[in-house]
Amino acid sequence: MRARLYGLVARLLSAPPDTAMLADLARLTGDASDLGRPLGVMAALARECSPDALSPNEQASDRLAREYHDLFIGLGRGELLPYASYYLTGFLNEKPLARLRARMKELGIERDPSVREPEDHMAAILDMMAGLIVGRFGNPADLATQKAFFTAHLADWGPYFFRDLEKAQAAHFYAPLGTLGRVFLGIEQSGFEMVD
């Protein structure tokens, strides 16, 4: 379940959701828990993007692509820069990226040549966490290895990024994803504190 949640958030941060992804999100059910509430909001927003809910001339993919562009790409730059280097140093392609690349090499994680973004993009780091949990890079990583990766590459900037996403001016569909990411990383942090 942890890997699935990392994967879900990573997928939504890597590109705007397509029709199939929106259909999957629309089937989610939330509850009154801290994780359940943003999931429920995301499901409701995904249902609002169904073809039946939109006007004949409106495409959900256009609306969500525009929001994604405004948040993460922009003209020159988006409202948010989802990179560890930027959050930790104020600049892109700095020491946090070099440290991540060194750790990736140690863990046998190779960069996907089709991805143009630097490896310290939030989506990539979350995807790496999912891969460590399920063993996509070899055997599943033990909790100590997961904790070390999380602590070195997510804990010090991830909560701030997701808080900023929650409050971003351009965020509508993505605002509850910010809440989900912030809450989930908080749960992960608390869980890892119990790991020696």
N, C-alpha and C. Protein backbone atom coordinates (compact mmCIF):
# COMPACT_ATOMS: atom_id res chain seq x y z
N MET A 1 0.83 -1.20 0.00
CA MET A 1 0.00 0.00 0.00
C MET A 1 0.87 1.26 0.00
N ARG A 2 1.98 1.23 0.74
CA ARG A 2 2.87 2.39 0.75
C ARG A 2 3.42 2.64 -0.65
N ALA A 3 3.87 1.58 -1.31
CA ALA A 3 4.42 1.73 -2.65
C ALA A 3 3.36 2.26 -3.62
N ARG A 4 2.12 1.79 -3.48
CA ARG A 4 1.04 2.28 -4.35
C ARG A 4 0.80 3.77 -4.16
N LEU A 5 0.85 4.21 -2.91
CA LEU A 5 0.61 5.63 -2.64
C LEU A 5 1.77 6.47 -3.17
N TYR A 6 3.01 6.01 -2.95
CA TYR A 6 4.14 6.71 -3.55
C TYR A 6 3.97 6.78 -5.06
N GLY A 7 3.59 5.66 -5.67
CA GLY A 7 3.43 5.61 -7.11
C GLY A 7 2.32 6.51 -7.62
N LEU A 8 1.21 6.57 -6.91
CA LEU A 8 0.10 7.43 -7.32
C LEU A 8 0.52 8.89 -7.33
N VAL A 9 1.14 9.34 -6.26
CA VAL A 9 1.55 10.74 -6.17
C VAL A 9 2.62 11.03 -7.22
N ALA A 10 3.56 10.10 -7.40
CA ALA A 10 4.60 10.28 -8.42
C ALA A 10 3.99 10.42 -9.80
N ARG A 11 3.04 9.56 -10.12
CA ARG A 11 2.42 9.59 -11.44
C ARG A 11 1.74 10.93 -11.71
N LEU A 12 1.03 11.45 -10.72
CA LEU A 12 0.31 12.71 -10.90
C LEU A 12 1.25 13.91 -10.97
N LEU A 13 2.45 13.78 -10.40
CA LEU A 13 3.42 14.87 -10.48
C LEU A 13 4.29 14.78 -11.73
N SER A 14 4.27 13.64 -12.40
CA SER A 14 5.12 13.49 -13.58
C SER A 14 4.44 14.01 -14.84
N ALA A 15 3.12 14.05 -14.87
CA ALA A 15 2.37 14.51 -16.04
C ALA A 15 0.91 14.67 -15.64
N PRO A 16 0.15 15.47 -16.39
CA PRO A 16 -1.28 15.57 -16.09
C PRO A 16 -1.95 14.22 -16.28
N PRO A 17 -2.98 13.94 -15.50
CA PRO A 17 -3.65 12.64 -15.64
C PRO A 17 -4.38 12.53 -16.98
N ASP A 18 -4.28 11.34 -17.58
CA ASP A 18 -5.02 11.08 -18.80
C ASP A 18 -6.41 10.55 -18.43
N THR A 19 -7.20 10.22 -19.42
CA THR A 19 -8.58 9.77 -19.19
C THR A 19 -8.62 8.50 -18.34
N ALA A 20 -7.72 7.57 -18.61
CA ALA A 20 -7.70 6.32 -17.84
C ALA A 20 -7.34 6.59 -16.38
N MET A 21 -6.38 7.47 -16.15
CA MET A 21 -5.99 7.81 -14.78
C MET A 21 -7.14 8.49 -14.05
N LEU A 22 -7.84 9.40 -14.73
CA LEU A 22 -8.98 10.07 -14.11
C LEU A 22 -10.07 9.07 -13.75
N ALA A 23 -10.29 8.08 -14.61
CA ALA A 23 -11.30 7.05 -14.31
C ALA A 23 -10.89 6.26 -13.07
N ASP A 24 -9.60 5.93 -12.95
CA ASP A 24 -9.11 5.22 -11.77
C ASP A 24 -9.29 6.07 -10.51
N LEU A 25 -8.93 7.34 -10.61
CA LEU A 25 -9.07 8.25 -9.46
C LEU A 25 -10.53 8.40 -9.06
N ALA A 26 -11.43 8.46 -10.03
CA ALA A 26 -12.85 8.64 -9.74
C ALA A 26 -13.42 7.48 -8.94
N ARG A 27 -12.80 6.31 -9.03
CA ARG A 27 -13.29 5.14 -8.30
C ARG A 27 -12.78 5.09 -6.86
N LEU A 28 -11.84 5.96 -6.51
CA LEU A 28 -11.33 5.97 -5.14
C LEU A 28 -12.43 6.40 -4.18
N THR A 29 -12.34 5.91 -2.97
CA THR A 29 -13.26 6.36 -1.93
C THR A 29 -12.43 6.90 -0.78
N GLY A 30 -12.86 8.00 -0.26
CA GLY A 30 -12.17 8.59 0.88
C GLY A 30 -12.88 8.23 2.16
N ASP A 31 -12.32 8.70 3.25
CA ASP A 31 -12.96 8.53 4.56
C ASP A 31 -12.57 9.74 5.41
N ALA A 32 -12.84 9.67 6.70
CA ALA A 32 -12.61 10.82 7.58
C ALA A 32 -11.17 10.91 8.08
N SER A 33 -10.31 9.98 7.68
CA SER A 33 -8.92 10.02 8.14
C SER A 33 -8.15 11.12 7.42
N ASP A 34 -6.97 11.42 7.94
CA ASP A 34 -6.13 12.45 7.32
C ASP A 34 -5.75 12.10 5.89
N LEU A 35 -5.54 10.83 5.61
CA LEU A 35 -5.25 10.40 4.23
C LEU A 35 -6.53 10.27 3.41
N GLY A 36 -7.59 9.85 4.04
CA GLY A 36 -8.84 9.60 3.33
C GLY A 36 -9.51 10.85 2.80
N ARG A 37 -9.41 11.95 3.54
CA ARG A 37 -10.07 13.19 3.10
C ARG A 37 -9.51 13.69 1.77
N PRO A 38 -8.19 13.86 1.61
CA PRO A 38 -7.71 14.33 0.30
C PRO A 38 -7.97 13.33 -0.82
N LEU A 39 -7.95 12.03 -0.52
CA LEU A 39 -8.28 11.04 -1.54
C LEU A 39 -9.72 11.21 -2.00
N GLY A 40 -10.62 11.46 -1.07
CA GLY A 40 -12.02 11.68 -1.42
C GLY A 40 -12.21 12.93 -2.27
N VAL A 41 -11.50 14.00 -1.93
CA VAL A 41 -11.59 15.23 -2.71
C VAL A 41 -11.05 14.99 -4.12
N MET A 42 -9.92 14.28 -4.22
CA MET A 42 -9.36 13.99 -5.54
C MET A 42 -10.32 13.15 -6.38
N ALA A 43 -10.97 12.17 -5.74
CA ALA A 43 -11.94 11.34 -6.46
C ALA A 43 -13.10 12.19 -6.97
N ALA A 44 -13.60 13.09 -6.13
CA ALA A 44 -14.70 13.96 -6.55
C ALA A 44 -14.27 14.86 -7.71
N LEU A 45 -13.07 15.41 -7.64
CA LEU A 45 -12.57 16.26 -8.72
C LEU A 45 -12.39 15.46 -10.01
N ALA A 46 -11.94 14.22 -9.88
CA ALA A 46 -11.79 13.37 -11.07
C ALA A 46 -13.16 13.09 -11.69
N ARG A 47 -14.19 12.88 -10.85
CA ARG A 47 -15.54 12.66 -11.38
C ARG A 47 -16.06 13.90 -12.10
N GLU A 48 -15.67 15.08 -11.60
CA GLU A 48 -16.07 16.33 -12.27
C GLU A 48 -15.44 16.45 -13.65
N CYS A 49 -14.36 15.72 -13.88
CA CYS A 49 -13.66 15.76 -15.18
C CYS A 49 -14.14 14.68 -16.13
N SER A 50 -15.15 13.91 -15.74
CA SER A 50 -15.66 12.87 -16.64
C SER A 50 -16.36 13.54 -17.82
N PRO A 51 -16.40 12.87 -18.96
CA PRO A 51 -17.06 13.46 -20.14
C PRO A 51 -18.50 13.89 -19.88
N ASP A 52 -19.21 13.16 -19.02
CA ASP A 52 -20.60 13.50 -18.72
C ASP A 52 -20.73 14.79 -17.93
N ALA A 53 -19.67 15.13 -17.15
CA ALA A 53 -19.75 16.31 -16.28
C ALA A 53 -19.28 17.59 -16.97
N LEU A 54 -18.62 17.47 -18.12
CA LEU A 54 -18.07 18.64 -18.79
C LEU A 54 -19.00 19.13 -19.88
N SER A 55 -18.85 20.39 -20.22
CA SER A 55 -19.63 20.93 -21.33
C SER A 55 -19.12 20.32 -22.63
N PRO A 56 -19.94 20.32 -23.69
CA PRO A 56 -19.55 19.66 -24.94
C PRO A 56 -18.23 20.16 -25.53
N ASN A 57 -17.89 21.43 -25.31
CA ASN A 57 -16.67 21.98 -25.90
C ASN A 57 -15.45 21.87 -24.97
N GLU A 58 -15.64 21.37 -23.77
CA GLU A 58 -14.56 21.34 -22.79
C GLU A 58 -13.95 19.95 -22.70
N GLN A 59 -12.64 19.89 -22.66
CA GLN A 59 -11.91 18.64 -22.50
C GLN A 59 -11.21 18.66 -21.15
N ALA A 60 -11.40 17.60 -20.36
CA ALA A 60 -10.72 17.52 -19.06
C ALA A 60 -9.22 17.55 -19.25
N SER A 61 -8.73 16.87 -20.28
CA SER A 61 -7.29 16.82 -20.49
C SER A 61 -6.72 18.21 -20.73
N ASP A 62 -7.49 19.07 -21.42
CA ASP A 62 -7.02 20.44 -21.66
C ASP A 62 -6.96 21.23 -20.36
N ARG A 63 -7.99 21.10 -19.55
CA ARG A 63 -8.05 21.83 -18.29
C ARG A 63 -6.91 21.40 -17.36
N LEU A 64 -6.71 20.09 -17.23
CA LEU A 64 -5.68 19.59 -16.33
C LEU A 64 -4.27 19.83 -16.87
N ALA A 65 -4.12 19.75 -18.18
CA ALA A 65 -2.82 20.06 -18.78
C ALA A 65 -2.46 21.52 -18.54
N ARG A 66 -3.44 22.41 -18.63
CA ARG A 66 -3.20 23.83 -18.38
C ARG A 66 -2.80 24.05 -16.91
N GLU A 67 -3.50 23.38 -15.99
CA GLU A 67 -3.16 23.53 -14.57
C GLU A 67 -1.76 22.99 -14.31
N TYR A 68 -1.46 21.83 -14.86
CA TYR A 68 -0.12 21.23 -14.68
C TYR A 68 0.95 22.18 -15.24
N HIS A 69 0.71 22.72 -16.42
CA HIS A 69 1.64 23.65 -17.03
C HIS A 69 1.86 24.87 -16.15
N ASP A 70 0.77 25.47 -15.67
CA ASP A 70 0.88 26.66 -14.84
C ASP A 70 1.63 26.38 -13.54
N LEU A 71 1.42 25.20 -12.98
CA LEU A 71 2.07 24.86 -11.72
C LEU A 71 3.55 24.52 -11.88
N PHE A 72 3.89 23.70 -12.87
CA PHE A 72 5.21 23.09 -12.91
C PHE A 72 6.08 23.47 -14.11
N ILE A 73 5.50 24.10 -15.14
CA ILE A 73 6.28 24.42 -16.34
C ILE A 73 6.29 25.92 -16.57
N GLY A 74 5.12 26.49 -16.85
CA GLY A 74 4.96 27.93 -17.01
C GLY A 74 5.69 28.50 -18.21
N LEU A 75 5.60 29.79 -18.35
CA LEU A 75 6.37 30.51 -19.36
C LEU A 75 7.63 30.99 -18.65
N GLY A 76 8.70 30.31 -18.89
CA GLY A 76 9.94 30.60 -18.16
C GLY A 76 10.09 29.67 -16.97
N ARG A 77 9.07 29.60 -16.15
CA ARG A 77 9.03 28.65 -15.03
C ARG A 77 7.62 28.62 -14.45
N GLY A 78 7.29 27.48 -13.86
CA GLY A 78 5.98 27.33 -13.25
C GLY A 78 5.93 27.98 -11.88
N GLU A 79 4.75 27.95 -11.30
CA GLU A 79 4.58 28.51 -9.95
C GLU A 79 5.46 27.77 -8.94
N LEU A 80 5.64 26.47 -9.14
CA LEU A 80 6.47 25.66 -8.24
C LEU A 80 7.58 24.98 -9.05
N LEU A 81 8.72 24.83 -8.43
CA LEU A 81 9.83 24.06 -9.02
C LEU A 81 10.01 22.82 -8.16
N PRO A 82 9.54 21.65 -8.64
CA PRO A 82 9.50 20.44 -7.81
C PRO A 82 10.82 19.67 -7.75
N TYR A 83 11.90 20.38 -7.44
CA TYR A 83 13.23 19.78 -7.42
C TYR A 83 13.87 19.95 -6.05
N ALA A 84 14.50 18.90 -5.58
CA ALA A 84 15.19 18.96 -4.29
C ALA A 84 16.24 20.06 -4.29
N SER A 85 17.03 20.16 -5.37
CA SER A 85 18.08 21.18 -5.43
C SER A 85 17.51 22.57 -5.22
N TYR A 86 16.39 22.86 -5.87
CA TYR A 86 15.80 24.19 -5.74
C TYR A 86 15.31 24.44 -4.32
N TYR A 87 14.62 23.47 -3.75
CA TYR A 87 14.09 23.67 -2.40
C TYR A 87 15.19 23.78 -1.35
N LEU A 88 16.28 23.08 -1.56
CA LEU A 88 17.34 23.06 -0.55
C LEU A 88 18.42 24.12 -0.75
N THR A 89 18.60 24.58 -1.99
CA THR A 89 19.68 25.55 -2.24
C THR A 89 19.20 26.82 -2.92
N GLY A 90 18.01 26.80 -3.52
CA GLY A 90 17.53 27.94 -4.27
C GLY A 90 17.97 27.93 -5.73
N PHE A 91 18.69 26.89 -6.12
CA PHE A 91 19.18 26.76 -7.50
C PHE A 91 18.93 25.34 -7.98
N LEU A 92 18.87 25.17 -9.30
CA LEU A 92 18.71 23.85 -9.90
C LEU A 92 20.07 23.19 -10.08
N ASN A 93 20.06 21.86 -10.16
CA ASN A 93 21.25 21.07 -10.48
C ASN A 93 22.41 21.31 -9.50
N GLU A 94 22.09 21.34 -8.22
CA GLU A 94 23.11 21.58 -7.20
C GLU A 94 23.45 20.28 -6.45
N LYS A 95 24.10 20.42 -5.31
CA LYS A 95 24.60 19.27 -4.55
C LYS A 95 23.54 18.23 -4.20
N PRO A 96 22.29 18.62 -3.89
CA PRO A 96 21.29 17.57 -3.63
C PRO A 96 21.12 16.61 -4.81
N LEU A 97 21.20 17.11 -6.02
CA LEU A 97 21.10 16.25 -7.20
C LEU A 97 22.33 15.34 -7.30
N ALA A 98 23.51 15.88 -7.04
CA ALA A 98 24.73 15.06 -7.08
C ALA A 98 24.68 13.95 -6.02
N ARG A 99 24.21 14.30 -4.82
CA ARG A 99 24.11 13.28 -3.76
C ARG A 99 23.10 12.20 -4.14
N LEU A 100 21.98 12.61 -4.73
CA LEU A 100 20.97 11.64 -5.16
C LEU A 100 21.54 10.72 -6.23
N ARG A 101 22.24 11.27 -7.19
CA ARG A 101 22.83 10.44 -8.25
C ARG A 101 23.82 9.43 -7.68
N ALA A 102 24.61 9.85 -6.71
CA ALA A 102 25.56 8.93 -6.09
C ALA A 102 24.81 7.80 -5.37
N ARG A 103 23.75 8.14 -4.67
CA ARG A 103 22.96 7.13 -3.95
C ARG A 103 22.26 6.19 -4.93
N MET A 104 21.76 6.73 -6.03
CA MET A 104 21.13 5.90 -7.05
C MET A 104 22.11 4.86 -7.56
N LYS A 105 23.33 5.28 -7.80
CA LYS A 105 24.36 4.36 -8.29
C LYS A 105 24.61 3.25 -7.28
N GLU A 106 24.70 3.62 -5.99
CA GLU A 106 24.91 2.63 -4.93
C GLU A 106 23.78 1.62 -4.88
N LEU A 107 22.55 2.07 -5.13
CA LEU A 107 21.37 1.21 -5.04
C LEU A 107 21.03 0.50 -6.35
N GLY A 108 21.79 0.78 -7.39
CA GLY A 108 21.51 0.15 -8.68
C GLY A 108 20.32 0.73 -9.41
N ILE A 109 20.02 1.99 -9.14
CA ILE A 109 18.90 2.67 -9.80
C ILE A 109 19.46 3.45 -10.98
N GLU A 110 18.95 3.15 -12.16
CA GLU A 110 19.41 3.84 -13.36
C GLU A 110 18.38 4.86 -13.82
N ARG A 111 18.88 5.95 -14.32
CA ARG A 111 18.02 7.01 -14.86
C ARG A 111 17.32 6.48 -16.11
N ASP A 112 16.04 6.78 -16.24
CA ASP A 112 15.29 6.43 -17.44
C ASP A 112 15.70 7.40 -18.54
N PRO A 113 16.29 6.90 -19.62
CA PRO A 113 16.78 7.81 -20.66
C PRO A 113 15.68 8.60 -21.36
N SER A 114 14.43 8.17 -21.26
CA SER A 114 13.34 8.90 -21.91
C SER A 114 12.86 10.10 -21.09
N VAL A 115 13.29 10.20 -19.83
CA VAL A 115 12.86 11.29 -18.95
C VAL A 115 13.88 12.42 -19.05
N ARG A 116 13.38 13.62 -19.34
CA ARG A 116 14.27 14.76 -19.51
C ARG A 116 14.51 15.53 -18.23
N GLU A 117 13.67 15.34 -17.24
CA GLU A 117 13.81 16.07 -15.98
C GLU A 117 15.00 15.54 -15.18
N PRO A 118 15.67 16.39 -14.40
CA PRO A 118 16.71 15.89 -13.50
C PRO A 118 16.12 14.90 -12.49
N GLU A 119 16.96 14.03 -12.00
CA GLU A 119 16.51 12.96 -11.10
C GLU A 119 15.96 13.46 -9.78
N ASP A 120 16.27 14.70 -9.39
CA ASP A 120 15.77 15.19 -8.10
C ASP A 120 14.38 15.81 -8.21
N HIS A 121 13.67 15.55 -9.30
CA HIS A 121 12.26 15.95 -9.43
C HIS A 121 11.46 15.13 -8.41
N MET A 122 10.50 15.74 -7.76
CA MET A 122 9.71 15.05 -6.73
C MET A 122 9.11 13.75 -7.26
N ALA A 123 8.58 13.77 -8.47
CA ALA A 123 7.98 12.55 -9.02
C ALA A 123 8.99 11.42 -9.11
N ALA A 124 10.20 11.72 -9.53
CA ALA A 124 11.24 10.69 -9.67
C ALA A 124 11.63 10.12 -8.31
N ILE A 125 11.78 10.98 -7.33
CA ILE A 125 12.19 10.51 -6.00
C ILE A 125 11.09 9.64 -5.39
N LEU A 126 9.84 10.05 -5.53
CA LEU A 126 8.73 9.23 -5.02
C LEU A 126 8.67 7.89 -5.75
N ASP A 127 8.92 7.90 -7.04
CA ASP A 127 8.93 6.66 -7.81
C ASP A 127 10.07 5.75 -7.35
N MET A 128 11.20 6.33 -7.02
CA MET A 128 12.32 5.54 -6.49
C MET A 128 11.95 4.91 -5.16
N MET A 129 11.26 5.67 -4.30
CA MET A 129 10.82 5.09 -3.02
C MET A 129 9.90 3.91 -3.26
N ALA A 130 8.96 4.05 -4.18
CA ALA A 130 8.06 2.93 -4.50
C ALA A 130 8.86 1.74 -4.99
N GLY A 131 9.83 1.98 -5.85
CA GLY A 131 10.66 0.90 -6.38
C GLY A 131 11.48 0.21 -5.32
N LEU A 132 12.00 0.97 -4.36
CA LEU A 132 12.75 0.36 -3.26
C LEU A 132 11.86 -0.56 -2.43
N ILE A 133 10.63 -0.12 -2.20
CA ILE A 133 9.71 -0.90 -1.37
C ILE A 133 9.36 -2.23 -2.03
N VAL A 134 9.05 -2.20 -3.33
CA VAL A 134 8.58 -3.42 -4.01
C VAL A 134 9.70 -4.23 -4.66
N GLY A 135 10.92 -3.68 -4.70
CA GLY A 135 12.04 -4.43 -5.27
C GLY A 135 12.21 -4.25 -6.76
N ARG A 136 11.83 -3.12 -7.29
CA ARG A 136 11.99 -2.87 -8.72
C ARG A 136 13.45 -2.76 -9.13
N PHE A 137 14.36 -2.51 -8.20
CA PHE A 137 15.78 -2.35 -8.50
C PHE A 137 16.60 -3.53 -7.99
N GLY A 138 15.96 -4.66 -7.82
CA GLY A 138 16.60 -5.83 -7.23
C GLY A 138 15.67 -6.36 -6.15
N ASN A 139 16.22 -6.80 -5.06
CA ASN A 139 15.38 -7.24 -3.94
C ASN A 139 14.74 -6.04 -3.27
N PRO A 140 13.55 -6.22 -2.67
CA PRO A 140 12.97 -5.11 -1.91
C PRO A 140 13.95 -4.63 -0.84
N ALA A 141 14.05 -3.32 -0.71
CA ALA A 141 14.96 -2.74 0.27
C ALA A 141 14.42 -2.93 1.67
N ASP A 142 15.30 -3.19 2.62
CA ASP A 142 14.87 -3.30 4.01
C ASP A 142 14.48 -1.91 4.53
N LEU A 143 13.83 -1.88 5.69
CA LEU A 143 13.34 -0.61 6.22
C LEU A 143 14.47 0.37 6.51
N ALA A 144 15.63 -0.14 6.93
CA ALA A 144 16.75 0.76 7.20
C ALA A 144 17.20 1.48 5.92
N THR A 145 17.24 0.76 4.81
CA THR A 145 17.62 1.36 3.53
C THR A 145 16.56 2.36 3.08
N GLN A 146 15.29 1.99 3.22
CA GLN A 146 14.20 2.91 2.87
C GLN A 146 14.29 4.17 3.71
N LYS A 147 14.53 3.99 5.00
CA LYS A 147 14.63 5.15 5.90
C LYS A 147 15.79 6.05 5.50
N ALA A 148 16.92 5.46 5.19
CA ALA A 148 18.09 6.26 4.82
C ALA A 148 17.82 7.06 3.55
N PHE A 149 17.18 6.44 2.57
CA PHE A 149 16.86 7.14 1.32
C PHE A 149 15.85 8.26 1.58
N PHE A 150 14.80 7.94 2.32
CA PHE A 150 13.77 8.92 2.66
C PHE A 150 14.38 10.11 3.39
N THR A 151 15.20 9.83 4.40
CA THR A 151 15.80 10.88 5.22
C THR A 151 16.72 11.77 4.38
N ALA A 152 17.51 11.15 3.51
CA ALA A 152 18.49 11.91 2.73
C ALA A 152 17.87 12.69 1.58
N HIS A 153 16.76 12.20 1.02
CA HIS A 153 16.29 12.78 -0.24
C HIS A 153 14.86 13.30 -0.24
N LEU A 154 14.11 13.08 0.84
CA LEU A 154 12.72 13.55 0.89
C LEU A 154 12.37 14.34 2.15
N ALA A 155 12.83 13.88 3.29
CA ALA A 155 12.34 14.40 4.57
C ALA A 155 12.60 15.89 4.75
N ASP A 156 13.72 16.38 4.23
CA ASP A 156 14.07 17.77 4.51
C ASP A 156 13.42 18.79 3.57
N TRP A 157 12.81 18.36 2.48
CA TRP A 157 12.17 19.33 1.58
C TRP A 157 10.78 18.92 1.11
N GLY A 158 10.48 17.63 1.11
CA GLY A 158 9.19 17.15 0.62
C GLY A 158 7.98 17.78 1.29
N PRO A 159 7.96 17.84 2.62
CA PRO A 159 6.78 18.45 3.26
C PRO A 159 6.56 19.91 2.85
N TYR A 160 7.64 20.65 2.62
CA TYR A 160 7.51 22.05 2.21
C TYR A 160 6.97 22.15 0.78
N PHE A 161 7.45 21.27 -0.09
CA PHE A 161 6.93 21.26 -1.46
C PHE A 161 5.42 20.98 -1.46
N PHE A 162 5.01 19.95 -0.72
CA PHE A 162 3.58 19.61 -0.73
C PHE A 162 2.73 20.68 -0.06
N ARG A 163 3.26 21.33 0.95
CA ARG A 163 2.53 22.46 1.57
C ARG A 163 2.36 23.57 0.54
N ASP A 164 3.42 23.85 -0.22
CA ASP A 164 3.33 24.88 -1.25
C ASP A 164 2.33 24.49 -2.34
N LEU A 165 2.28 23.20 -2.69
CA LEU A 165 1.33 22.73 -3.69
C LEU A 165 -0.11 22.89 -3.18
N GLU A 166 -0.33 22.61 -1.91
CA GLU A 166 -1.67 22.79 -1.33
C GLU A 166 -2.17 24.22 -1.52
N LYS A 167 -1.26 25.17 -1.38
CA LYS A 167 -1.63 26.59 -1.36
C LYS A 167 -1.37 27.31 -2.68
N ALA A 168 -0.87 26.60 -3.67
CA ALA A 168 -0.51 27.24 -4.93
C ALA A 168 -1.72 27.91 -5.58
N GLN A 169 -1.50 29.07 -6.13
CA GLN A 169 -2.58 29.84 -6.74
C GLN A 169 -3.20 29.10 -7.92
N ALA A 170 -2.38 28.40 -8.71
CA ALA A 170 -2.88 27.70 -9.89
C ALA A 170 -3.48 26.33 -9.57
N ALA A 171 -3.35 25.88 -8.32
CA ALA A 171 -3.78 24.52 -7.98
C ALA A 171 -5.27 24.46 -7.68
N HIS A 172 -5.96 23.62 -8.41
CA HIS A 172 -7.35 23.26 -8.12
C HIS A 172 -7.39 21.74 -7.96
N PHE A 173 -7.18 21.04 -9.05
CA PHE A 173 -7.10 19.58 -9.01
C PHE A 173 -5.91 19.14 -8.17
N TYR A 174 -4.80 19.87 -8.22
CA TYR A 174 -3.56 19.46 -7.55
C TYR A 174 -3.49 19.86 -6.07
N ALA A 175 -4.37 20.73 -5.60
CA ALA A 175 -4.32 21.13 -4.19
C ALA A 175 -4.52 19.94 -3.24
N PRO A 176 -5.52 19.07 -3.45
CA PRO A 176 -5.64 17.93 -2.54
C PRO A 176 -4.48 16.94 -2.68
N LEU A 177 -3.82 16.92 -3.84
CA LEU A 177 -2.62 16.09 -3.97
C LEU A 177 -1.54 16.63 -3.05
N GLY A 178 -1.46 17.95 -2.92
CA GLY A 178 -0.52 18.54 -1.97
C GLY A 178 -0.81 18.10 -0.55
N THR A 179 -2.09 18.09 -0.19
CA THR A 179 -2.48 17.63 1.15
C THR A 179 -2.12 16.17 1.34
N LEU A 180 -2.47 15.35 0.35
CA LEU A 180 -2.17 13.92 0.42
C LEU A 180 -0.67 13.69 0.58
N GLY A 181 0.13 14.35 -0.22
CA GLY A 181 1.58 14.17 -0.14
C GLY A 181 2.13 14.62 1.20
N ARG A 182 1.68 15.76 1.70
CA ARG A 182 2.16 16.27 2.99
C ARG A 182 1.81 15.31 4.13
N VAL A 183 0.57 14.85 4.15
CA VAL A 183 0.13 13.93 5.21
C VAL A 183 0.88 12.60 5.11
N PHE A 184 1.00 12.08 3.90
CA PHE A 184 1.66 10.80 3.71
C PHE A 184 3.13 10.87 4.14
N LEU A 185 3.84 11.92 3.75
CA LEU A 185 5.23 12.03 4.18
C LEU A 185 5.34 12.16 5.69
N GLY A 186 4.38 12.82 6.32
CA GLY A 186 4.37 12.91 7.78
C GLY A 186 4.20 11.54 8.43
N ILE A 187 3.32 10.73 7.86
CA ILE A 187 3.13 9.36 8.37
C ILE A 187 4.39 8.54 8.18
N GLU A 188 5.00 8.65 7.00
CA GLU A 188 6.24 7.94 6.73
C GLU A 188 7.34 8.36 7.70
N GLN A 189 7.45 9.67 7.94
CA GLN A 189 8.47 10.15 8.88
C GLN A 189 8.26 9.56 10.26
N SER A 190 7.02 9.55 10.72
CA SER A 190 6.72 8.98 12.05
C SER A 190 7.04 7.50 12.09
N GLY A 191 6.70 6.78 11.00
CA GLY A 191 7.00 5.36 10.96
C GLY A 191 8.50 5.09 10.95
N PHE A 192 9.24 5.87 10.19
CA PHE A 192 10.68 5.66 10.11
C PHE A 192 11.38 5.99 11.43
N GLU A 193 10.78 6.86 12.24
CA GLU A 193 11.37 7.16 13.53
C GLU A 193 11.38 5.94 14.45
N MET A 194 10.56 4.95 14.15
CA MET A 194 10.54 3.72 14.95
C MET A 194 11.52 2.68 14.45
N VAL A 195 12.19 2.98 13.30
CA VAL A 195 13.14 2.03 12.71
C VAL A 195 14.53 2.37 13.21
N ASP A 196 15.23 1.37 13.77
CA ASP A 196 16.61 1.58 14.24
C ASP A 196 17.56 1.66 13.07
